[in-house]
Amino acid sequence: YALARLKVPGRRMTGFYVLVTQMLPPVGIIIPYFLLLRNIGWMDTYHGIIIIYLSFSLPFAIWLMVSYFEDIPFEMEEAAAVDGAGRLTTLRRIILPQAKGGIAVTVVFVFLNAWNEFLFAVVLSGNTVRPVTIAMFNFVSVEQTLWAQLAAVSVIAMLPVVILGIVAQSHIVKGLTVGAVKGGGRR
């Protein structure tokens, strides 16, 4: 919200840095992440995996939400200010309900990114913390593939994604169509 609405010094440069972090390939930053987690003792812990997923997904979420906040008419905030609402009240009662579709889309994309991620999970987790992608990988070996178990785990792994898609479907459709041009075709 701050990157989209507030006129603070360095706002454009902060947005640029957020974009640049998305350009870094995961393979290029896995070694610094590995060394960091090893040095602070968070290798093979839930804290370590959560922090890594958060740091990898947050720039994408920020960049996506900035566009949704910019599409909300500024006049709504001005009207709330005229009515005596503060910035926090305006954010909570006017802006966030208007950005519900964008928030739903962002939650789904960030969840899918973390749920389907493999590289960080295989390098930064061990026997204690094992995300579902690694659990599925354990049914495949050089000698054999346990197809029945792999299929069962795959179905179980799909359930949260399907449930999230069903629950957030209407918000996702609204969020994906925000800013779409209406009546732009030829007559």
N, C-alpha and C. Protein backbone atom coordinates (compact mmCIF):
# COMPACT_ATOMS: atom_id res chain seq x y z
N TYR A 1 0.83 -1.18 0.00
CA TYR A 1 0.00 0.00 0.00
C TYR A 1 0.88 1.25 0.00
N ALA A 2 1.94 1.21 0.79
CA ALA A 2 2.81 2.38 0.89
C ALA A 2 3.50 2.67 -0.43
N LEU A 3 3.91 1.64 -1.16
CA LEU A 3 4.57 1.87 -2.45
C LEU A 3 3.59 2.41 -3.48
N ALA A 4 2.32 2.08 -3.35
CA ALA A 4 1.33 2.53 -4.33
C ALA A 4 0.78 3.91 -4.02
N ARG A 5 0.64 4.28 -2.75
CA ARG A 5 -0.09 5.49 -2.39
C ARG A 5 0.73 6.60 -1.75
N LEU A 6 1.64 6.25 -0.87
CA LEU A 6 2.34 7.27 -0.10
C LEU A 6 3.47 7.89 -0.92
N LYS A 7 3.60 9.18 -0.81
CA LYS A 7 4.65 9.91 -1.52
C LYS A 7 5.84 10.08 -0.58
N VAL A 8 6.61 9.03 -0.41
CA VAL A 8 7.78 9.07 0.45
C VAL A 8 9.04 9.03 -0.40
N PRO A 9 10.13 9.64 0.08
CA PRO A 9 11.37 9.62 -0.68
C PRO A 9 11.87 8.18 -0.85
N GLY A 10 12.35 7.87 -2.03
CA GLY A 10 12.88 6.55 -2.31
C GLY A 10 11.84 5.51 -2.68
N ARG A 11 10.61 5.94 -2.89
CA ARG A 11 9.53 4.99 -3.20
C ARG A 11 9.79 4.28 -4.52
N ARG A 12 10.19 5.02 -5.54
CA ARG A 12 10.43 4.40 -6.84
C ARG A 12 11.65 3.48 -6.80
N MET A 13 12.68 3.89 -6.06
CA MET A 13 13.88 3.06 -5.95
C MET A 13 13.59 1.77 -5.18
N THR A 14 12.75 1.87 -4.16
CA THR A 14 12.36 0.68 -3.40
C THR A 14 11.59 -0.28 -4.31
N GLY A 15 10.68 0.25 -5.11
CA GLY A 15 9.97 -0.58 -6.07
C GLY A 15 10.91 -1.24 -7.06
N PHE A 16 11.93 -0.50 -7.48
CA PHE A 16 12.93 -1.06 -8.40
C PHE A 16 13.70 -2.20 -7.73
N TYR A 17 14.09 -2.02 -6.48
CA TYR A 17 14.82 -3.07 -5.77
C TYR A 17 13.96 -4.31 -5.57
N VAL A 18 12.69 -4.11 -5.32
CA VAL A 18 11.77 -5.25 -5.19
C VAL A 18 11.72 -6.02 -6.50
N LEU A 19 11.67 -5.30 -7.62
CA LEU A 19 11.66 -5.95 -8.93
C LEU A 19 12.97 -6.68 -9.21
N VAL A 20 14.09 -6.07 -8.85
CA VAL A 20 15.39 -6.69 -9.09
C VAL A 20 15.54 -8.00 -8.32
N THR A 21 14.99 -8.06 -7.11
CA THR A 21 15.10 -9.31 -6.35
C THR A 21 14.36 -10.45 -7.04
N GLN A 22 13.36 -10.15 -7.84
CA GLN A 22 12.66 -11.19 -8.58
C GLN A 22 13.49 -11.70 -9.76
N MET A 23 14.45 -10.91 -10.19
CA MET A 23 15.27 -11.31 -11.33
C MET A 23 16.40 -12.26 -10.94
N LEU A 24 16.69 -12.37 -9.64
CA LEU A 24 17.75 -13.25 -9.19
C LEU A 24 17.31 -14.70 -9.33
N PRO A 25 18.11 -15.54 -9.99
CA PRO A 25 17.71 -16.94 -10.13
C PRO A 25 17.88 -17.68 -8.81
N PRO A 26 16.97 -18.58 -8.50
CA PRO A 26 17.07 -19.33 -7.24
C PRO A 26 18.40 -20.08 -7.10
N VAL A 27 18.93 -20.59 -8.20
CA VAL A 27 20.20 -21.31 -8.15
C VAL A 27 21.33 -20.38 -7.71
N GLY A 28 21.23 -19.11 -8.07
CA GLY A 28 22.27 -18.14 -7.72
C GLY A 28 22.24 -17.71 -6.27
N ILE A 29 21.11 -17.89 -5.59
CA ILE A 29 21.02 -17.44 -4.19
C ILE A 29 20.88 -18.59 -3.21
N ILE A 30 20.92 -19.82 -3.70
CA ILE A 30 20.75 -20.96 -2.79
C ILE A 30 21.95 -21.13 -1.86
N ILE A 31 23.16 -20.86 -2.35
CA ILE A 31 24.35 -21.01 -1.50
C ILE A 31 24.37 -19.98 -0.37
N PRO A 32 24.12 -18.69 -0.65
CA PRO A 32 24.04 -17.75 0.49
C PRO A 32 22.94 -18.12 1.49
N TYR A 33 21.80 -18.58 1.01
CA TYR A 33 20.74 -19.01 1.92
C TYR A 33 21.20 -20.21 2.76
N PHE A 34 21.87 -21.15 2.11
CA PHE A 34 22.38 -22.33 2.81
C PHE A 34 23.35 -21.92 3.91
N LEU A 35 24.32 -21.05 3.57
CA LEU A 35 25.31 -20.61 4.56
C LEU A 35 24.65 -19.84 5.70
N LEU A 36 23.68 -18.99 5.37
CA LEU A 36 22.98 -18.22 6.39
C LEU A 36 22.25 -19.15 7.37
N LEU A 37 21.49 -20.08 6.84
CA LEU A 37 20.73 -20.99 7.70
C LEU A 37 21.66 -21.88 8.53
N ARG A 38 22.76 -22.31 7.93
CA ARG A 38 23.71 -23.14 8.68
C ARG A 38 24.35 -22.34 9.82
N ASN A 39 24.72 -21.08 9.54
CA ASN A 39 25.39 -20.27 10.56
C ASN A 39 24.47 -19.89 11.72
N ILE A 40 23.18 -19.71 11.46
CA ILE A 40 22.28 -19.35 12.57
C ILE A 40 21.60 -20.58 13.17
N GLY A 41 21.93 -21.76 12.66
CA GLY A 41 21.41 -22.99 13.24
C GLY A 41 19.99 -23.34 12.83
N TRP A 42 19.56 -22.84 11.69
CA TRP A 42 18.19 -23.09 11.25
C TRP A 42 18.11 -24.08 10.08
N MET A 43 19.18 -24.80 9.81
CA MET A 43 19.10 -25.82 8.76
C MET A 43 18.15 -26.92 9.21
N ASP A 44 17.34 -27.40 8.30
CA ASP A 44 16.41 -28.48 8.56
C ASP A 44 15.44 -28.14 9.70
N THR A 45 14.97 -26.88 9.70
CA THR A 45 13.94 -26.46 10.66
C THR A 45 12.81 -25.79 9.90
N TYR A 46 11.64 -25.78 10.51
CA TYR A 46 10.51 -25.09 9.89
C TYR A 46 10.78 -23.59 9.78
N HIS A 47 11.44 -23.03 10.79
CA HIS A 47 11.75 -21.59 10.75
C HIS A 47 12.56 -21.25 9.51
N GLY A 48 13.57 -22.05 9.23
CA GLY A 48 14.44 -21.78 8.09
C GLY A 48 13.69 -21.84 6.77
N ILE A 49 12.91 -22.89 6.57
CA ILE A 49 12.16 -23.04 5.32
C ILE A 49 11.13 -21.92 5.18
N ILE A 50 10.45 -21.57 6.26
CA ILE A 50 9.44 -20.51 6.19
C ILE A 50 10.08 -19.18 5.83
N ILE A 51 11.20 -18.86 6.46
CA ILE A 51 11.88 -17.59 6.17
C ILE A 51 12.36 -17.55 4.72
N ILE A 52 12.88 -18.65 4.22
CA ILE A 52 13.36 -18.68 2.83
C ILE A 52 12.18 -18.53 1.88
N TYR A 53 11.10 -19.26 2.09
CA TYR A 53 9.93 -19.12 1.23
C TYR A 53 9.36 -17.71 1.30
N LEU A 54 9.33 -17.14 2.49
CA LEU A 54 8.84 -15.77 2.66
C LEU A 54 9.71 -14.78 1.90
N SER A 55 11.02 -14.90 2.04
CA SER A 55 11.91 -13.95 1.36
C SER A 55 11.86 -14.12 -0.16
N PHE A 56 11.54 -15.30 -0.62
CA PHE A 56 11.46 -15.52 -2.06
C PHE A 56 10.11 -15.10 -2.63
N SER A 57 9.04 -15.19 -1.83
CA SER A 57 7.70 -14.87 -2.31
C SER A 57 7.28 -13.43 -2.06
N LEU A 58 7.86 -12.79 -1.05
CA LEU A 58 7.44 -11.44 -0.68
C LEU A 58 7.63 -10.41 -1.79
N PRO A 59 8.75 -10.40 -2.52
CA PRO A 59 8.87 -9.41 -3.61
C PRO A 59 7.78 -9.58 -4.67
N PHE A 60 7.45 -10.82 -5.01
CA PHE A 60 6.39 -11.06 -5.99
C PHE A 60 5.05 -10.56 -5.47
N ALA A 61 4.77 -10.84 -4.20
CA ALA A 61 3.50 -10.40 -3.60
C ALA A 61 3.42 -8.88 -3.55
N ILE A 62 4.52 -8.23 -3.20
CA ILE A 62 4.54 -6.76 -3.16
C ILE A 62 4.28 -6.20 -4.54
N TRP A 63 4.98 -6.71 -5.53
CA TRP A 63 4.84 -6.20 -6.89
C TRP A 63 3.43 -6.40 -7.42
N LEU A 64 2.84 -7.53 -7.11
CA LEU A 64 1.48 -7.81 -7.56
C LEU A 64 0.47 -6.92 -6.85
N MET A 65 0.61 -6.73 -5.55
CA MET A 65 -0.35 -5.93 -4.79
C MET A 65 -0.24 -4.44 -5.09
N VAL A 66 0.93 -3.96 -5.45
CA VAL A 66 1.08 -2.53 -5.79
C VAL A 66 0.16 -2.19 -6.95
N SER A 67 0.10 -3.07 -7.96
CA SER A 67 -0.76 -2.78 -9.11
C SER A 67 -2.24 -2.78 -8.71
N TYR A 68 -2.64 -3.64 -7.79
CA TYR A 68 -4.04 -3.65 -7.34
C TYR A 68 -4.36 -2.38 -6.55
N PHE A 69 -3.46 -1.96 -5.68
CA PHE A 69 -3.70 -0.74 -4.90
C PHE A 69 -3.72 0.49 -5.80
N GLU A 70 -2.91 0.50 -6.86
CA GLU A 70 -2.91 1.65 -7.77
C GLU A 70 -4.20 1.74 -8.57
N ASP A 71 -4.89 0.61 -8.78
CA ASP A 71 -6.14 0.62 -9.54
C ASP A 71 -7.34 1.10 -8.72
N ILE A 72 -7.20 1.18 -7.41
CA ILE A 72 -8.30 1.68 -6.57
C ILE A 72 -8.34 3.20 -6.70
N PRO A 73 -9.49 3.77 -7.01
CA PRO A 73 -9.57 5.23 -7.21
C PRO A 73 -9.14 6.00 -5.96
N PHE A 74 -8.29 6.98 -6.17
CA PHE A 74 -7.78 7.81 -5.07
C PHE A 74 -8.90 8.65 -4.46
N GLU A 75 -9.94 8.90 -5.24
CA GLU A 75 -11.06 9.71 -4.75
C GLU A 75 -11.75 9.07 -3.55
N MET A 76 -11.72 7.74 -3.47
CA MET A 76 -12.33 7.05 -2.33
C MET A 76 -11.58 7.40 -1.04
N GLU A 77 -10.27 7.48 -1.12
CA GLU A 77 -9.48 7.87 0.06
C GLU A 77 -9.73 9.33 0.41
N GLU A 78 -9.83 10.17 -0.60
CA GLU A 78 -10.09 11.59 -0.35
C GLU A 78 -11.46 11.77 0.32
N ALA A 79 -12.46 11.03 -0.14
CA ALA A 79 -13.79 11.13 0.46
C ALA A 79 -13.77 10.66 1.91
N ALA A 80 -13.01 9.61 2.19
CA ALA A 80 -12.90 9.13 3.57
C ALA A 80 -12.19 10.16 4.44
N ALA A 81 -11.18 10.82 3.89
CA ALA A 81 -10.47 11.86 4.65
C ALA A 81 -11.39 13.04 4.95
N VAL A 82 -12.23 13.40 3.97
CA VAL A 82 -13.18 14.49 4.19
C VAL A 82 -14.17 14.11 5.29
N ASP A 83 -14.54 12.83 5.35
CA ASP A 83 -15.46 12.37 6.38
C ASP A 83 -14.79 12.20 7.74
N GLY A 84 -13.49 12.43 7.80
CA GLY A 84 -12.78 12.39 9.07
C GLY A 84 -12.06 11.09 9.38
N ALA A 85 -11.98 10.19 8.42
CA ALA A 85 -11.29 8.92 8.65
C ALA A 85 -9.78 9.12 8.52
N GLY A 86 -9.04 8.50 9.40
CA GLY A 86 -7.58 8.53 9.32
C GLY A 86 -7.09 7.56 8.26
N ARG A 87 -5.78 7.56 8.03
CA ARG A 87 -5.22 6.69 7.00
C ARG A 87 -5.42 5.22 7.33
N LEU A 88 -5.23 4.85 8.59
CA LEU A 88 -5.39 3.45 8.99
C LEU A 88 -6.84 2.99 8.87
N THR A 89 -7.77 3.84 9.27
CA THR A 89 -9.19 3.52 9.13
C THR A 89 -9.57 3.40 7.66
N THR A 90 -9.05 4.30 6.84
CA THR A 90 -9.31 4.25 5.40
C THR A 90 -8.78 2.96 4.81
N LEU A 91 -7.58 2.59 5.22
CA LEU A 91 -6.99 1.34 4.73
C LEU A 91 -7.84 0.15 5.13
N ARG A 92 -8.24 0.10 6.39
CA ARG A 92 -8.98 -1.05 6.90
C ARG A 92 -10.40 -1.14 6.37
N ARG A 93 -11.10 -0.01 6.27
CA ARG A 93 -12.52 -0.05 5.92
C ARG A 93 -12.82 0.19 4.45
N ILE A 94 -11.90 0.78 3.71
CA ILE A 94 -12.19 1.10 2.31
C ILE A 94 -11.23 0.40 1.36
N ILE A 95 -9.93 0.55 1.58
CA ILE A 95 -8.95 0.04 0.63
C ILE A 95 -8.89 -1.49 0.64
N LEU A 96 -8.75 -2.10 1.81
CA LEU A 96 -8.63 -3.56 1.86
C LEU A 96 -9.86 -4.28 1.32
N PRO A 97 -11.10 -3.83 1.62
CA PRO A 97 -12.24 -4.49 0.98
C PRO A 97 -12.24 -4.35 -0.55
N GLN A 98 -11.76 -3.21 -1.04
CA GLN A 98 -11.68 -3.03 -2.49
C GLN A 98 -10.60 -3.91 -3.12
N ALA A 99 -9.56 -4.22 -2.35
CA ALA A 99 -8.44 -5.01 -2.87
C ALA A 99 -8.59 -6.50 -2.57
N LYS A 100 -9.78 -6.92 -2.14
CA LYS A 100 -10.00 -8.32 -1.76
C LYS A 100 -9.65 -9.29 -2.89
N GLY A 101 -10.04 -8.96 -4.10
CA GLY A 101 -9.73 -9.83 -5.24
C GLY A 101 -8.23 -9.94 -5.46
N GLY A 102 -7.53 -8.83 -5.37
CA GLY A 102 -6.08 -8.84 -5.54
C GLY A 102 -5.39 -9.61 -4.44
N ILE A 103 -5.89 -9.47 -3.23
CA ILE A 103 -5.31 -10.22 -2.10
C ILE A 103 -5.52 -11.71 -2.31
N ALA A 104 -6.70 -12.10 -2.78
CA ALA A 104 -6.98 -13.53 -3.02
C ALA A 104 -6.06 -14.09 -4.10
N VAL A 105 -5.88 -13.35 -5.18
CA VAL A 105 -5.00 -13.80 -6.25
C VAL A 105 -3.57 -13.92 -5.74
N THR A 106 -3.14 -12.94 -4.97
CA THR A 106 -1.78 -12.96 -4.44
C THR A 106 -1.58 -14.13 -3.49
N VAL A 107 -2.55 -14.38 -2.62
CA VAL A 107 -2.45 -15.52 -1.69
C VAL A 107 -2.35 -16.83 -2.46
N VAL A 108 -3.16 -16.98 -3.49
CA VAL A 108 -3.14 -18.23 -4.27
C VAL A 108 -1.80 -18.39 -4.97
N PHE A 109 -1.30 -17.35 -5.62
CA PHE A 109 -0.03 -17.45 -6.33
C PHE A 109 1.14 -17.72 -5.37
N VAL A 110 1.16 -17.04 -4.24
CA VAL A 110 2.24 -17.25 -3.27
C VAL A 110 2.16 -18.66 -2.68
N PHE A 111 0.95 -19.11 -2.37
CA PHE A 111 0.78 -20.46 -1.84
C PHE A 111 1.25 -21.50 -2.86
N LEU A 112 0.83 -21.34 -4.11
CA LEU A 112 1.24 -22.30 -5.14
C LEU A 112 2.74 -22.29 -5.35
N ASN A 113 3.35 -21.12 -5.29
CA ASN A 113 4.79 -21.02 -5.44
C ASN A 113 5.51 -21.78 -4.32
N ALA A 114 5.06 -21.60 -3.09
CA ALA A 114 5.69 -22.29 -1.96
C ALA A 114 5.37 -23.78 -1.97
N TRP A 115 4.15 -24.12 -2.34
CA TRP A 115 3.72 -25.52 -2.31
C TRP A 115 4.45 -26.35 -3.37
N ASN A 116 4.71 -25.76 -4.53
CA ASN A 116 5.33 -26.50 -5.62
C ASN A 116 6.85 -26.34 -5.68
N GLU A 117 7.43 -25.58 -4.77
CA GLU A 117 8.86 -25.31 -4.81
C GLU A 117 9.64 -26.57 -4.47
N PHE A 118 10.73 -26.79 -5.21
CA PHE A 118 11.52 -28.01 -5.00
C PHE A 118 12.97 -27.72 -4.63
N LEU A 119 13.60 -26.75 -5.29
CA LEU A 119 15.04 -26.52 -5.12
C LEU A 119 15.40 -26.18 -3.68
N PHE A 120 14.76 -25.18 -3.10
CA PHE A 120 15.07 -24.80 -1.72
C PHE A 120 14.74 -25.95 -0.76
N ALA A 121 13.66 -26.64 -1.03
CA ALA A 121 13.24 -27.74 -0.15
C ALA A 121 14.27 -28.87 -0.15
N VAL A 122 14.81 -29.20 -1.31
CA VAL A 122 15.74 -30.32 -1.38
C VAL A 122 17.11 -29.94 -0.80
N VAL A 123 17.51 -28.69 -0.94
CA VAL A 123 18.83 -28.28 -0.44
C VAL A 123 18.79 -27.92 1.04
N LEU A 124 17.74 -27.25 1.48
CA LEU A 124 17.71 -26.68 2.83
C LEU A 124 16.96 -27.52 3.85
N SER A 125 16.39 -28.63 3.43
CA SER A 125 15.69 -29.49 4.39
C SER A 125 16.39 -30.83 4.45
N GLY A 126 16.18 -31.53 5.53
CA GLY A 126 16.79 -32.84 5.70
C GLY A 126 15.74 -33.86 6.07
N ASN A 127 16.04 -34.63 7.10
CA ASN A 127 15.10 -35.67 7.52
C ASN A 127 14.02 -35.16 8.46
N THR A 128 14.28 -34.05 9.16
CA THR A 128 13.30 -33.53 10.12
C THR A 128 12.17 -32.79 9.43
N VAL A 129 12.53 -31.87 8.56
CA VAL A 129 11.55 -31.04 7.85
C VAL A 129 11.53 -31.52 6.41
N ARG A 130 10.38 -32.01 6.00
CA ARG A 130 10.29 -32.54 4.65
C ARG A 130 9.00 -32.05 4.00
N PRO A 131 9.08 -31.01 3.14
CA PRO A 131 7.87 -30.56 2.44
C PRO A 131 7.32 -31.67 1.54
N VAL A 132 6.10 -31.48 1.10
CA VAL A 132 5.41 -32.51 0.33
C VAL A 132 6.14 -32.84 -0.97
N THR A 133 6.80 -31.87 -1.58
CA THR A 133 7.53 -32.15 -2.83
C THR A 133 8.67 -33.13 -2.58
N ILE A 134 9.32 -33.02 -1.45
CA ILE A 134 10.40 -33.94 -1.12
C ILE A 134 9.83 -35.30 -0.72
N ALA A 135 8.71 -35.31 -0.03
CA ALA A 135 8.07 -36.57 0.35
C ALA A 135 7.71 -37.37 -0.90
N MET A 136 7.22 -36.70 -1.94
CA MET A 136 6.89 -37.41 -3.19
C MET A 136 8.16 -37.91 -3.86
N PHE A 137 9.21 -37.15 -3.79
CA PHE A 137 10.48 -37.52 -4.42
C PHE A 137 11.07 -38.77 -3.78
N ASN A 138 10.76 -39.02 -2.52
CA ASN A 138 11.31 -40.18 -1.82
C ASN A 138 10.74 -41.51 -2.31
N PHE A 139 9.67 -41.49 -3.08
CA PHE A 139 9.10 -42.74 -3.60
C PHE A 139 9.74 -43.15 -4.92
N VAL A 140 10.69 -42.36 -5.39
CA VAL A 140 11.40 -42.67 -6.64
C VAL A 140 12.85 -42.93 -6.29
N SER A 141 13.37 -44.08 -6.72
CA SER A 141 14.78 -44.40 -6.48
C SER A 141 15.37 -45.01 -7.74
N VAL A 142 16.65 -45.33 -7.67
CA VAL A 142 17.32 -45.92 -8.83
C VAL A 142 16.78 -47.31 -9.11
N GLU A 143 16.51 -48.07 -8.06
CA GLU A 143 16.06 -49.45 -8.23
C GLU A 143 14.60 -49.56 -8.66
N GLN A 144 13.74 -48.73 -8.10
CA GLN A 144 12.31 -48.86 -8.39
C GLN A 144 11.57 -47.56 -8.11
N THR A 145 10.38 -47.52 -8.64
CA THR A 145 9.46 -46.42 -8.35
C THR A 145 8.21 -47.03 -7.75
N LEU A 146 7.85 -46.56 -6.59
CA LEU A 146 6.65 -47.06 -5.91
C LEU A 146 5.45 -46.26 -6.43
N TRP A 147 4.89 -46.75 -7.53
CA TRP A 147 3.85 -45.99 -8.24
C TRP A 147 2.58 -45.79 -7.42
N ALA A 148 2.15 -46.80 -6.70
CA ALA A 148 0.91 -46.68 -5.93
C ALA A 148 1.05 -45.64 -4.82
N GLN A 149 2.15 -45.70 -4.09
CA GLN A 149 2.38 -44.74 -3.02
C GLN A 149 2.58 -43.33 -3.58
N LEU A 150 3.29 -43.23 -4.70
CA LEU A 150 3.52 -41.93 -5.33
C LEU A 150 2.20 -41.32 -5.80
N ALA A 151 1.33 -42.15 -6.36
CA ALA A 151 0.02 -41.65 -6.80
C ALA A 151 -0.83 -41.21 -5.60
N ALA A 152 -0.78 -41.97 -4.52
CA ALA A 152 -1.56 -41.61 -3.33
C ALA A 152 -1.07 -40.30 -2.73
N VAL A 153 0.23 -40.13 -2.62
CA VAL A 153 0.78 -38.88 -2.07
C VAL A 153 0.49 -37.72 -3.01
N SER A 154 0.51 -37.97 -4.31
CA SER A 154 0.20 -36.90 -5.28
C SER A 154 -1.23 -36.41 -5.13
N VAL A 155 -2.16 -37.33 -4.94
CA VAL A 155 -3.56 -36.94 -4.74
C VAL A 155 -3.71 -36.16 -3.44
N ILE A 156 -3.06 -36.63 -2.39
CA ILE A 156 -3.12 -35.91 -1.11
C ILE A 156 -2.49 -34.53 -1.24
N ALA A 157 -1.41 -34.43 -2.00
CA ALA A 157 -0.73 -33.14 -2.18
C ALA A 157 -1.57 -32.17 -2.99
N MET A 158 -2.44 -32.69 -3.86
CA MET A 158 -3.29 -31.81 -4.66
C MET A 158 -4.48 -31.27 -3.88
N LEU A 159 -4.91 -31.94 -2.84
CA LEU A 159 -6.11 -31.54 -2.11
C LEU A 159 -6.07 -30.11 -1.58
N PRO A 160 -5.01 -29.66 -0.90
CA PRO A 160 -5.02 -28.26 -0.44
C PRO A 160 -5.11 -27.26 -1.58
N VAL A 161 -4.48 -27.55 -2.70
CA VAL A 161 -4.53 -26.65 -3.85
C VAL A 161 -5.94 -26.59 -4.42
N VAL A 162 -6.58 -27.73 -4.54
CA VAL A 162 -7.95 -27.77 -5.07
C VAL A 162 -8.91 -27.07 -4.12
N ILE A 163 -8.78 -27.33 -2.82
CA ILE A 163 -9.66 -26.68 -1.84
C ILE A 163 -9.46 -25.17 -1.86
N LEU A 164 -8.21 -24.71 -1.90
CA LEU A 164 -7.94 -23.28 -1.97
C LEU A 164 -8.53 -22.68 -3.25
N GLY A 165 -8.40 -23.39 -4.35
CA GLY A 165 -8.97 -22.90 -5.61
C GLY A 165 -10.48 -22.78 -5.56
N ILE A 166 -11.14 -23.74 -4.96
CA ILE A 166 -12.61 -23.70 -4.85
C ILE A 166 -13.05 -22.57 -3.93
N VAL A 167 -12.38 -22.43 -2.79
CA VAL A 167 -12.76 -21.40 -1.82
C VAL A 167 -12.53 -20.00 -2.39
N ALA A 168 -11.42 -19.81 -3.08
CA ALA A 168 -11.05 -18.46 -3.55
C ALA A 168 -11.46 -18.19 -5.00
N GLN A 169 -12.24 -19.07 -5.61
CA GLN A 169 -12.56 -18.96 -7.03
C GLN A 169 -13.19 -17.63 -7.41
N SER A 170 -14.20 -17.20 -6.70
CA SER A 170 -14.87 -15.95 -7.08
C SER A 170 -13.95 -14.76 -6.90
N HIS A 171 -13.14 -14.77 -5.85
CA HIS A 171 -12.20 -13.67 -5.63
C HIS A 171 -11.10 -13.67 -6.69
N ILE A 172 -10.69 -14.86 -7.11
CA ILE A 172 -9.64 -14.96 -8.13
C ILE A 172 -10.14 -14.39 -9.45
N VAL A 173 -11.36 -14.73 -9.83
CA VAL A 173 -11.92 -14.20 -11.08
C VAL A 173 -12.01 -12.68 -11.02
N LYS A 174 -12.49 -12.14 -9.90
CA LYS A 174 -12.55 -10.69 -9.75
C LYS A 174 -11.16 -10.07 -9.79
N GLY A 175 -10.22 -10.72 -9.11
CA GLY A 175 -8.86 -10.18 -9.04
C GLY A 175 -8.15 -10.20 -10.37
N LEU A 176 -8.38 -11.23 -11.16
CA LEU A 176 -7.71 -11.32 -12.46
C LEU A 176 -8.31 -10.37 -13.48
N THR A 177 -9.56 -9.95 -13.28
CA THR A 177 -10.20 -9.06 -14.25
C THR A 177 -10.12 -7.60 -13.85
N VAL A 178 -9.47 -7.29 -12.72
CA VAL A 178 -9.32 -5.88 -12.33
C VAL A 178 -8.47 -5.18 -13.37
N GLY A 179 -8.95 -4.06 -13.83
CA GLY A 179 -8.22 -3.29 -14.83
C GLY A 179 -8.45 -3.74 -16.25
N ALA A 180 -9.30 -4.75 -16.45
CA ALA A 180 -9.58 -5.19 -17.81
C ALA A 180 -10.36 -4.11 -18.55
N VAL A 181 -10.08 -3.99 -19.84
CA VAL A 181 -10.76 -2.98 -20.65
C VAL A 181 -12.14 -3.50 -21.01
N LYS A 182 -13.16 -2.70 -20.72
CA LYS A 182 -14.53 -3.09 -21.03
C LYS A 182 -14.95 -2.42 -22.33
N GLY A 183 -15.55 -3.19 -23.21
CA GLY A 183 -16.07 -2.63 -24.46
C GLY A 183 -15.00 -2.14 -25.40
N GLY A 184 -13.84 -2.76 -25.36
CA GLY A 184 -12.73 -2.31 -26.20
C GLY A 184 -12.75 -2.88 -27.60
N GLY A 185 -13.73 -3.73 -27.92
CA GLY A 185 -13.77 -4.36 -29.24
C GLY A 185 -14.31 -3.43 -30.31
N ARG A 186 -14.17 -3.87 -31.58
CA ARG A 186 -14.70 -3.08 -32.71
C ARG A 186 -16.20 -3.23 -32.81
N ARG A 187 -16.83 -2.21 -33.34
CA ARG A 187 -18.28 -2.26 -33.52
C ARG A 187 -18.61 -2.26 -34.97
